[in-house]
Amino acid sequence: YGTSYFVDPRGQFVGEVASDKEEELLVRDLDFGLIEEVRQQWAFYRDRRPDAYDGLVEP
């Protein structure tokens, strides 16, 4: 267990990776501008088709 880490929306590590030998707390500043930029580029929700899968996810 351990080795917590932060990654950006492109999967790149942000800062250091936590130790798997010692307890520690990781704190990072995140670039919310980059997050928004990647969301605009990938646009997952733009291409969603709930009508195509609604029947599969109904209880």
N, C-alpha and C. Protein backbone atom coordinates (compact mmCIF):
# COMPACT_ATOMS: atom_id res chain seq x y z
N TYR A 1 0.84 -1.18 0.00
CA TYR A 1 0.00 0.00 0.00
C TYR A 1 0.89 1.24 0.00
N GLY A 2 0.27 2.36 -0.16
CA GLY A 2 1.04 3.60 -0.19
C GLY A 2 1.30 4.02 -1.63
N THR A 3 2.34 4.73 -1.80
CA THR A 3 2.75 5.28 -3.10
C THR A 3 1.61 6.03 -3.79
N SER A 4 0.93 6.88 -3.04
CA SER A 4 -0.10 7.73 -3.63
C SER A 4 0.56 8.75 -4.54
N TYR A 5 -0.19 9.26 -5.49
CA TYR A 5 0.36 10.24 -6.41
C TYR A 5 -0.77 11.03 -7.06
N PHE A 6 -0.41 12.14 -7.67
CA PHE A 6 -1.33 12.94 -8.45
C PHE A 6 -0.90 12.86 -9.90
N VAL A 7 -1.88 12.83 -10.79
CA VAL A 7 -1.59 12.88 -12.22
C VAL A 7 -2.45 13.97 -12.85
N ASP A 8 -1.96 14.52 -13.95
CA ASP A 8 -2.75 15.52 -14.66
C ASP A 8 -3.71 14.80 -15.61
N PRO A 9 -4.57 15.52 -16.30
CA PRO A 9 -5.56 14.86 -17.17
C PRO A 9 -4.94 14.06 -18.31
N ARG A 10 -3.67 14.28 -18.57
CA ARG A 10 -2.99 13.53 -19.64
C ARG A 10 -2.21 12.34 -19.10
N GLY A 11 -2.32 12.09 -17.78
CA GLY A 11 -1.67 10.93 -17.19
C GLY A 11 -0.24 11.16 -16.74
N GLN A 12 0.23 12.40 -16.75
CA GLN A 12 1.59 12.71 -16.31
C GLN A 12 1.60 12.95 -14.80
N PHE A 13 2.62 12.43 -14.12
CA PHE A 13 2.74 12.67 -12.68
C PHE A 13 2.90 14.15 -12.40
N VAL A 14 2.25 14.61 -11.33
CA VAL A 14 2.37 15.99 -10.87
C VAL A 14 3.11 15.93 -9.54
N GLY A 15 4.34 16.37 -9.51
CA GLY A 15 5.13 16.32 -8.28
C GLY A 15 5.67 14.93 -8.02
N GLU A 16 5.99 14.70 -6.77
CA GLU A 16 6.62 13.43 -6.38
C GLU A 16 5.57 12.37 -6.04
N VAL A 17 6.01 11.13 -6.06
CA VAL A 17 5.18 9.99 -5.66
C VAL A 17 5.44 9.72 -4.18
N ALA A 18 4.40 9.38 -3.43
CA ALA A 18 4.56 9.12 -1.99
C ALA A 18 5.38 7.86 -1.75
N SER A 19 5.97 7.81 -0.61
CA SER A 19 6.78 6.67 -0.20
C SER A 19 5.91 5.46 0.11
N ASP A 20 6.44 4.29 -0.14
CA ASP A 20 5.74 3.08 0.29
C ASP A 20 6.34 2.55 1.59
N LYS A 21 7.27 3.29 2.16
CA LYS A 21 7.95 2.88 3.39
C LYS A 21 7.57 3.73 4.60
N GLU A 22 7.19 4.99 4.39
CA GLU A 22 6.91 5.90 5.48
C GLU A 22 5.56 6.57 5.29
N GLU A 23 4.91 6.92 6.41
CA GLU A 23 3.66 7.68 6.33
C GLU A 23 3.97 9.10 5.91
N GLU A 24 3.16 9.64 5.03
CA GLU A 24 3.31 11.03 4.64
C GLU A 24 2.03 11.53 4.01
N LEU A 25 1.91 12.82 3.91
CA LEU A 25 0.74 13.45 3.34
C LEU A 25 1.18 14.22 2.11
N LEU A 26 0.56 13.92 0.98
CA LEU A 26 0.87 14.64 -0.25
C LEU A 26 -0.11 15.79 -0.43
N VAL A 27 0.42 16.95 -0.76
CA VAL A 27 -0.40 18.12 -1.06
C VAL A 27 0.13 18.71 -2.35
N ARG A 28 -0.76 18.99 -3.28
CA ARG A 28 -0.35 19.54 -4.58
C ARG A 28 -1.27 20.66 -4.99
N ASP A 29 -0.72 21.60 -5.72
CA ASP A 29 -1.52 22.61 -6.40
C ASP A 29 -1.86 22.03 -7.77
N LEU A 30 -3.12 22.05 -8.13
CA LEU A 30 -3.55 21.51 -9.41
C LEU A 30 -3.87 22.64 -10.37
N ASP A 31 -3.59 22.43 -11.63
CA ASP A 31 -3.82 23.43 -12.67
C ASP A 31 -5.22 23.23 -13.23
N PHE A 32 -6.19 23.95 -12.68
CA PHE A 32 -7.57 23.80 -13.13
C PHE A 32 -7.76 24.30 -14.56
N GLY A 33 -6.89 25.21 -15.00
CA GLY A 33 -6.94 25.66 -16.39
C GLY A 33 -6.62 24.53 -17.34
N LEU A 34 -5.63 23.72 -17.01
CA LEU A 34 -5.28 22.56 -17.84
C LEU A 34 -6.41 21.55 -17.84
N ILE A 35 -7.04 21.35 -16.70
CA ILE A 35 -8.16 20.41 -16.63
C ILE A 35 -9.27 20.85 -17.57
N GLU A 36 -9.61 22.13 -17.54
CA GLU A 36 -10.66 22.65 -18.41
C GLU A 36 -10.26 22.56 -19.88
N GLU A 37 -9.00 22.85 -20.18
CA GLU A 37 -8.51 22.76 -21.56
C GLU A 37 -8.65 21.34 -22.11
N VAL A 38 -8.25 20.36 -21.32
CA VAL A 38 -8.34 18.97 -21.75
C VAL A 38 -9.80 18.55 -21.89
N ARG A 39 -10.66 18.99 -20.99
CA ARG A 39 -12.09 18.67 -21.11
C ARG A 39 -12.66 19.21 -22.42
N GLN A 40 -12.24 20.40 -22.80
CA GLN A 40 -12.73 20.98 -24.06
C GLN A 40 -12.21 20.21 -25.27
N GLN A 41 -10.97 19.75 -25.20
CA GLN A 41 -10.37 19.01 -26.32
C GLN A 41 -10.99 17.63 -26.47
N TRP A 42 -11.18 16.93 -25.35
CA TRP A 42 -11.69 15.57 -25.42
C TRP A 42 -13.20 15.53 -25.59
N ALA A 43 -13.90 16.42 -24.95
CA ALA A 43 -15.34 16.59 -25.10
C ALA A 43 -16.13 15.27 -25.03
N PHE A 44 -15.90 14.50 -23.98
CA PHE A 44 -16.62 13.23 -23.82
C PHE A 44 -18.13 13.43 -23.78
N TYR A 45 -18.57 14.42 -23.03
CA TYR A 45 -20.01 14.61 -22.87
C TYR A 45 -20.68 15.12 -24.13
N ARG A 46 -19.93 15.77 -25.00
CA ARG A 46 -20.50 16.27 -26.25
C ARG A 46 -21.00 15.10 -27.10
N ASP A 47 -20.28 14.00 -27.07
CA ASP A 47 -20.59 12.86 -27.94
C ASP A 47 -21.40 11.77 -27.23
N ARG A 48 -21.85 12.05 -26.01
CA ARG A 48 -22.64 11.05 -25.28
C ARG A 48 -23.93 10.72 -26.02
N ARG A 49 -24.36 9.48 -25.92
CA ARG A 49 -25.61 9.05 -26.54
C ARG A 49 -26.41 8.25 -25.53
N PRO A 50 -26.95 8.92 -24.48
CA PRO A 50 -27.71 8.18 -23.46
C PRO A 50 -28.86 7.39 -24.05
N ASP A 51 -29.43 7.85 -25.14
CA ASP A 51 -30.53 7.11 -25.76
C ASP A 51 -30.10 5.74 -26.24
N ALA A 52 -28.80 5.56 -26.48
CA ALA A 52 -28.29 4.29 -26.97
C ALA A 52 -28.08 3.27 -25.85
N TYR A 53 -27.96 3.74 -24.61
CA TYR A 53 -27.68 2.79 -23.52
C TYR A 53 -28.58 2.94 -22.30
N ASP A 54 -29.57 3.81 -22.35
CA ASP A 54 -30.46 3.99 -21.19
C ASP A 54 -31.05 2.67 -20.69
N GLY A 55 -31.46 1.81 -21.58
CA GLY A 55 -32.06 0.54 -21.17
C GLY A 55 -31.10 -0.36 -20.42
N LEU A 56 -29.81 -0.21 -20.66
CA LEU A 56 -28.82 -1.05 -19.99
C LEU A 56 -28.54 -0.61 -18.56
N VAL A 57 -28.77 0.67 -18.27
CA VAL A 57 -28.41 1.18 -16.95
C VAL A 57 -29.61 1.44 -16.04
N GLU A 58 -30.80 1.15 -16.51
CA GLU A 58 -31.98 1.31 -15.67
C GLU A 58 -32.01 0.22 -14.62
N PRO A 59 -32.47 0.56 -13.38
CA PRO A 59 -32.52 -0.46 -12.32
C PRO A 59 -33.57 -1.53 -12.60
